[in-house]
């Protein structure tokens, strides 16, 4: 996780972005243009300067998946795919990916994701590509009749998706998309309510165990 801001002073606060992938000495950041900061970022050109703070927070624990003790079940929604892309690369074809979006235009990097996944299932809300419904619903269909103890979950997306993914009955990890202001645990702007009280996504997360976050 990185905090990124253009060198302009408005907006003042950095925005959190997942590390997406590394190419040589460069890192890629995947984002959707939704507000002022991302609109500024879209207009950046080679040679323009940005401020970056990071890396921040923790990462997905991968011991069970890498050693083959459990099958990695990976769920991502929209640009949440950026969070799990390096995880899938590291798993070297062991991960089963369920990737969802509102429509087929939101399903990015299809060729690359198929190459680094053992199996990839696409889900769209409008049925324009793959399974009609959400990525979590597609994962639920896949899990029917299977021993859920044999899987470990990795999920990133909006809170509604994470809440649904946590209800699949598969133990594992979810990555919160809470906004981070300072990025160093001081401002408490990224507080997440957990069963052990409030925690900071930038310091204690953004990756939490399933069942740890209390969703409204």
Protein backbone atom coordinates (compact mmCIF):
# COMPACT_ATOMS: atom_id res chain seq x y z
CA UNK A 1 0.00 0.00 0.00
CA UNK A 2 1.27 3.48 -0.90
CA UNK A 3 0.02 7.00 -0.20
CA UNK A 4 0.19 9.03 -3.42
CA UNK A 5 -0.30 12.70 -4.15
CA UNK A 6 0.58 15.02 -7.01
CA UNK A 7 2.91 17.88 -6.09
CA UNK A 8 -0.02 20.31 -6.17
CA UNK A 9 -1.31 21.30 -2.71
CA UNK A 10 -4.94 20.65 -3.53
CA UNK A 11 -6.00 18.01 -2.63
CA UNK A 12 -3.84 18.23 0.48
CA UNK A 13 -4.02 14.63 1.67
CA UNK A 14 -2.52 11.61 -0.05
CA UNK A 15 -4.70 8.82 -1.40
CA UNK A 16 -4.03 5.12 -0.73
CA UNK A 17 -3.23 2.82 -3.65
CA UNK A 18 -2.17 -0.81 -3.76
CA UNK A 19 1.10 -1.80 -5.31
CA UNK A 20 -0.02 -3.43 -8.57
CA UNK A 21 3.10 -4.81 -10.28
CA UNK A 22 6.78 -4.12 -10.77
CA UNK A 23 8.50 -3.80 -14.13
CA UNK A 24 12.23 -3.28 -13.91
CA UNK A 25 12.86 -0.27 -11.69
CA UNK A 26 9.29 0.96 -12.06
CA UNK A 27 6.08 0.14 -10.19
CA UNK A 28 2.59 0.28 -11.66
CA UNK A 29 -0.45 1.64 -9.83
CA UNK A 30 -3.91 0.70 -11.08
CA UNK A 31 -6.71 3.17 -10.36
CA UNK A 32 -10.13 4.33 -11.52
CA UNK A 33 -10.76 8.02 -12.17
CA UNK A 34 -13.45 8.97 -9.64
CA UNK A 35 -12.47 12.33 -8.13
CA UNK A 36 -10.10 15.27 -8.14
CA UNK A 37 -6.92 13.40 -7.22
CA UNK A 38 -7.33 10.61 -9.75
CA UNK A 39 -8.31 13.17 -12.40
CA UNK A 40 -5.01 14.96 -11.73
CA UNK A 41 -3.15 11.65 -11.90
CA UNK A 42 -4.74 10.87 -15.27
CA UNK A 43 -3.25 14.10 -16.60
CA UNK A 44 0.31 13.38 -15.41
CA UNK A 45 2.99 13.02 -18.08
CA UNK A 46 6.47 11.40 -18.10
CA UNK A 47 8.78 13.58 -16.02
CA UNK A 48 6.05 14.98 -13.76
CA UNK A 49 6.76 14.50 -10.06
CA UNK A 50 4.51 12.93 -7.41
CA UNK A 51 4.86 12.41 -3.68
CA UNK A 52 4.74 8.78 -2.50
CA UNK A 53 4.72 7.49 1.07
CA UNK A 54 5.21 3.78 1.58
CA UNK A 55 5.13 0.91 1.71
CA UNK A 56 2.38 1.06 4.34
CA UNK A 57 0.64 -1.63 6.33
CA UNK A 58 0.87 -5.41 6.09
CA UNK A 59 0.58 -8.01 3.31
CA UNK A 60 -1.39 -11.20 2.69
CA UNK A 61 0.06 -14.11 4.74
CA UNK A 62 0.80 -16.84 2.21
CA UNK A 63 2.40 -19.73 4.09
CA UNK A 64 -0.57 -22.12 3.77
CA UNK A 65 -1.05 -21.37 0.08
CA UNK A 66 2.60 -21.48 -0.97
CA UNK A 67 3.36 -24.77 0.75
CA UNK A 68 0.31 -26.41 -0.81
CA UNK A 69 -1.50 -27.02 2.50
CA UNK A 70 -4.59 -25.20 1.20
CA UNK A 71 -5.92 -24.08 -2.17
CA UNK A 72 -5.91 -20.27 -2.57
CA UNK A 73 -9.40 -18.94 -3.30
CA UNK A 74 -8.96 -15.37 -4.54
CA UNK A 75 -11.87 -12.92 -4.89
CA UNK A 76 -11.56 -9.40 -6.28
CA UNK A 77 -13.99 -6.69 -7.29
CA UNK A 78 -13.20 -3.91 -9.75
CA UNK A 79 -9.82 -2.26 -9.26
CA UNK A 80 -9.43 -4.45 -6.16
CA UNK A 81 -7.69 -6.76 -8.62
CA UNK A 82 -4.58 -4.61 -8.08
CA UNK A 83 -4.29 -5.92 -4.52
CA UNK A 84 -4.34 -9.61 -5.49
CA UNK A 85 -2.39 -9.42 -8.77
CA UNK A 86 1.07 -9.72 -7.14
CA UNK A 87 -0.33 -12.44 -4.86
CA UNK A 88 -1.43 -14.45 -7.90
CA UNK A 89 1.97 -13.93 -9.51
CA UNK A 90 3.72 -15.23 -6.40
CA UNK A 91 1.41 -18.26 -6.21
CA UNK A 92 2.60 -19.33 -9.67
CA UNK A 93 -0.61 -20.80 -11.01
CA UNK A 94 -2.03 -22.17 -7.75
CA UNK A 95 -4.76 -19.57 -7.22
CA UNK A 96 -8.41 -19.90 -8.23
CA UNK A 97 -9.60 -16.40 -9.10
CA UNK A 98 -13.15 -15.03 -8.97
CA UNK A 99 -13.13 -11.56 -10.50
CA UNK A 100 -16.24 -9.38 -10.60
CA UNK A 101 -17.41 -6.06 -12.00
CA UNK A 102 -20.60 -4.27 -12.93
CA UNK A 103 -20.11 -5.08 -16.61
CA UNK A 104 -17.49 -6.51 -18.98
CA UNK A 105 -15.76 -3.14 -19.37
CA UNK A 106 -14.72 -3.36 -15.72
CA UNK A 107 -13.00 -6.73 -16.15
CA UNK A 108 -9.39 -5.78 -16.80
CA UNK A 109 -6.25 -7.72 -17.74
CA UNK A 110 -8.14 -10.89 -18.66
CA UNK A 111 -5.30 -12.48 -20.61
CA UNK A 112 -2.66 -11.74 -17.97
CA UNK A 113 -4.87 -12.97 -15.12
CA UNK A 114 -5.65 -16.26 -16.87
CA UNK A 115 -1.93 -16.84 -17.37
CA UNK A 116 -1.13 -16.48 -13.66
CA UNK A 117 -4.21 -18.28 -12.27
CA UNK A 118 -5.02 -21.97 -12.00
CA UNK A 119 -8.63 -21.13 -12.84
CA UNK A 120 -10.34 -17.80 -13.49
CA UNK A 121 -14.07 -17.19 -13.18
CA UNK A 122 -15.43 -13.81 -14.33
CA UNK A 123 -18.68 -12.44 -12.89
CA UNK A 124 -20.61 -9.35 -14.00
CA UNK A 125 -23.68 -7.84 -12.40
CA UNK A 126 -25.41 -7.42 -15.78
CA UNK A 127 -24.33 -10.77 -17.20
CA UNK A 128 -22.43 -9.15 -20.07
CA UNK A 129 -19.46 -11.44 -19.40
CA UNK A 130 -19.22 -14.76 -17.59
CA UNK A 131 -21.31 -15.58 -14.51
CA UNK A 132 -24.32 -13.32 -13.99
CA UNK A 133 -24.00 -12.00 -10.45
CA UNK A 134 -21.17 -11.12 -8.09
CA UNK A 135 -17.76 -12.70 -7.74
CA UNK A 136 -18.74 -13.88 -4.25
CA UNK A 137 -21.87 -15.57 -5.59
CA UNK A 138 -19.76 -17.28 -8.26
CA UNK A 139 -17.34 -18.46 -5.57
CA UNK A 140 -20.27 -19.76 -3.52
CA UNK A 141 -21.48 -21.82 -6.47
CA UNK A 142 -17.99 -23.22 -6.94
CA UNK A 143 -17.74 -24.22 -3.27
CA UNK A 144 -20.97 -26.22 -3.22
CA UNK A 145 -20.17 -29.82 -2.33
CA UNK A 146 -16.51 -29.03 -1.64
CA UNK A 147 -14.68 -29.16 1.68
CA UNK A 148 -14.21 -25.50 2.57
CA UNK A 149 -11.50 -26.39 5.08
CA UNK A 150 -9.28 -27.18 2.10
CA UNK A 151 -9.23 -23.56 0.92
CA UNK A 152 -7.71 -20.30 2.14
CA UNK A 153 -9.48 -17.06 1.18
CA UNK A 154 -7.89 -13.87 -0.14
CA UNK A 155 -10.31 -11.05 -0.99
CA UNK A 156 -10.18 -7.36 -1.84
CA UNK A 157 -13.04 -5.06 -2.77
CA UNK A 158 -15.69 -2.79 -1.28
CA UNK A 159 -17.03 -3.51 2.21
CA UNK A 160 -20.22 -5.12 0.94
CA UNK A 161 -18.19 -7.62 -1.05
CA UNK A 162 -15.84 -8.30 1.85
CA UNK A 163 -18.77 -8.91 4.18
CA UNK A 164 -20.25 -11.40 1.71
CA UNK A 165 -16.89 -13.08 1.14
CA UNK A 166 -16.40 -13.46 4.90
CA UNK A 167 -19.69 -15.35 5.01
CA UNK A 168 -18.54 -18.07 2.59
CA UNK A 169 -17.24 -20.21 5.45
CA UNK A 170 -13.65 -20.16 4.18
CA UNK A 171 -10.97 -18.94 6.58
CA UNK A 172 -8.42 -16.51 5.23
CA UNK A 173 -7.77 -12.83 4.73
CA UNK A 174 -9.56 -9.74 3.44
CA UNK A 175 -8.05 -6.38 2.46
CA UNK A 176 -9.92 -3.28 3.62
CA UNK A 177 -10.32 -0.35 1.22
CA UNK A 178 -10.64 2.28 3.95
CA UNK A 179 -9.37 5.74 3.03
CA UNK A 180 -6.06 6.68 4.68
CA UNK A 181 -5.13 10.28 5.41
CA UNK A 182 -1.77 10.38 7.19
CA UNK A 183 -0.75 6.77 6.49
CA UNK A 184 1.26 6.48 9.71
CA UNK A 185 -1.44 5.72 12.27
CA UNK A 186 -1.78 9.18 13.82
CA UNK A 187 -4.97 10.71 12.42
CA UNK A 188 -7.22 7.63 12.93
CA UNK A 189 -9.02 8.46 9.69
CA UNK A 190 -8.81 4.83 8.55
CA UNK A 191 -10.19 3.26 11.74
CA UNK A 192 -11.83 -0.13 11.23
CA UNK A 193 -14.19 -1.64 13.80
CA UNK A 194 -13.05 -5.14 14.77
CA UNK A 195 -13.99 -7.69 17.42
CA UNK A 196 -11.00 -6.42 19.43
CA UNK A 197 -11.94 -2.75 19.13
CA UNK A 198 -10.98 -0.20 16.53
CA UNK A 199 -7.83 -0.78 14.49
CA UNK A 200 -6.02 1.34 11.90
CA UNK A 201 -6.02 0.09 8.32
CA UNK A 202 -2.69 1.81 7.60
CA UNK A 203 -0.84 0.22 10.54
CA UNK A 204 -2.80 -2.86 11.67
CA UNK A 205 -4.08 -3.66 8.16
CA UNK A 206 -5.17 -3.23 5.49
CA UNK A 207 -5.22 -7.07 5.54
CA UNK A 208 -7.28 -8.62 8.33
CA UNK A 209 -8.34 -12.18 9.10
CA UNK A 210 -11.84 -13.21 8.08
CA UNK A 211 -14.19 -12.67 11.00
CA UNK A 212 -11.99 -9.96 12.51
CA UNK A 213 -13.76 -6.93 10.99
CA UNK A 214 -17.26 -6.12 12.24
CA UNK A 215 -19.31 -4.92 9.26
CA UNK A 216 -22.41 -2.78 9.74
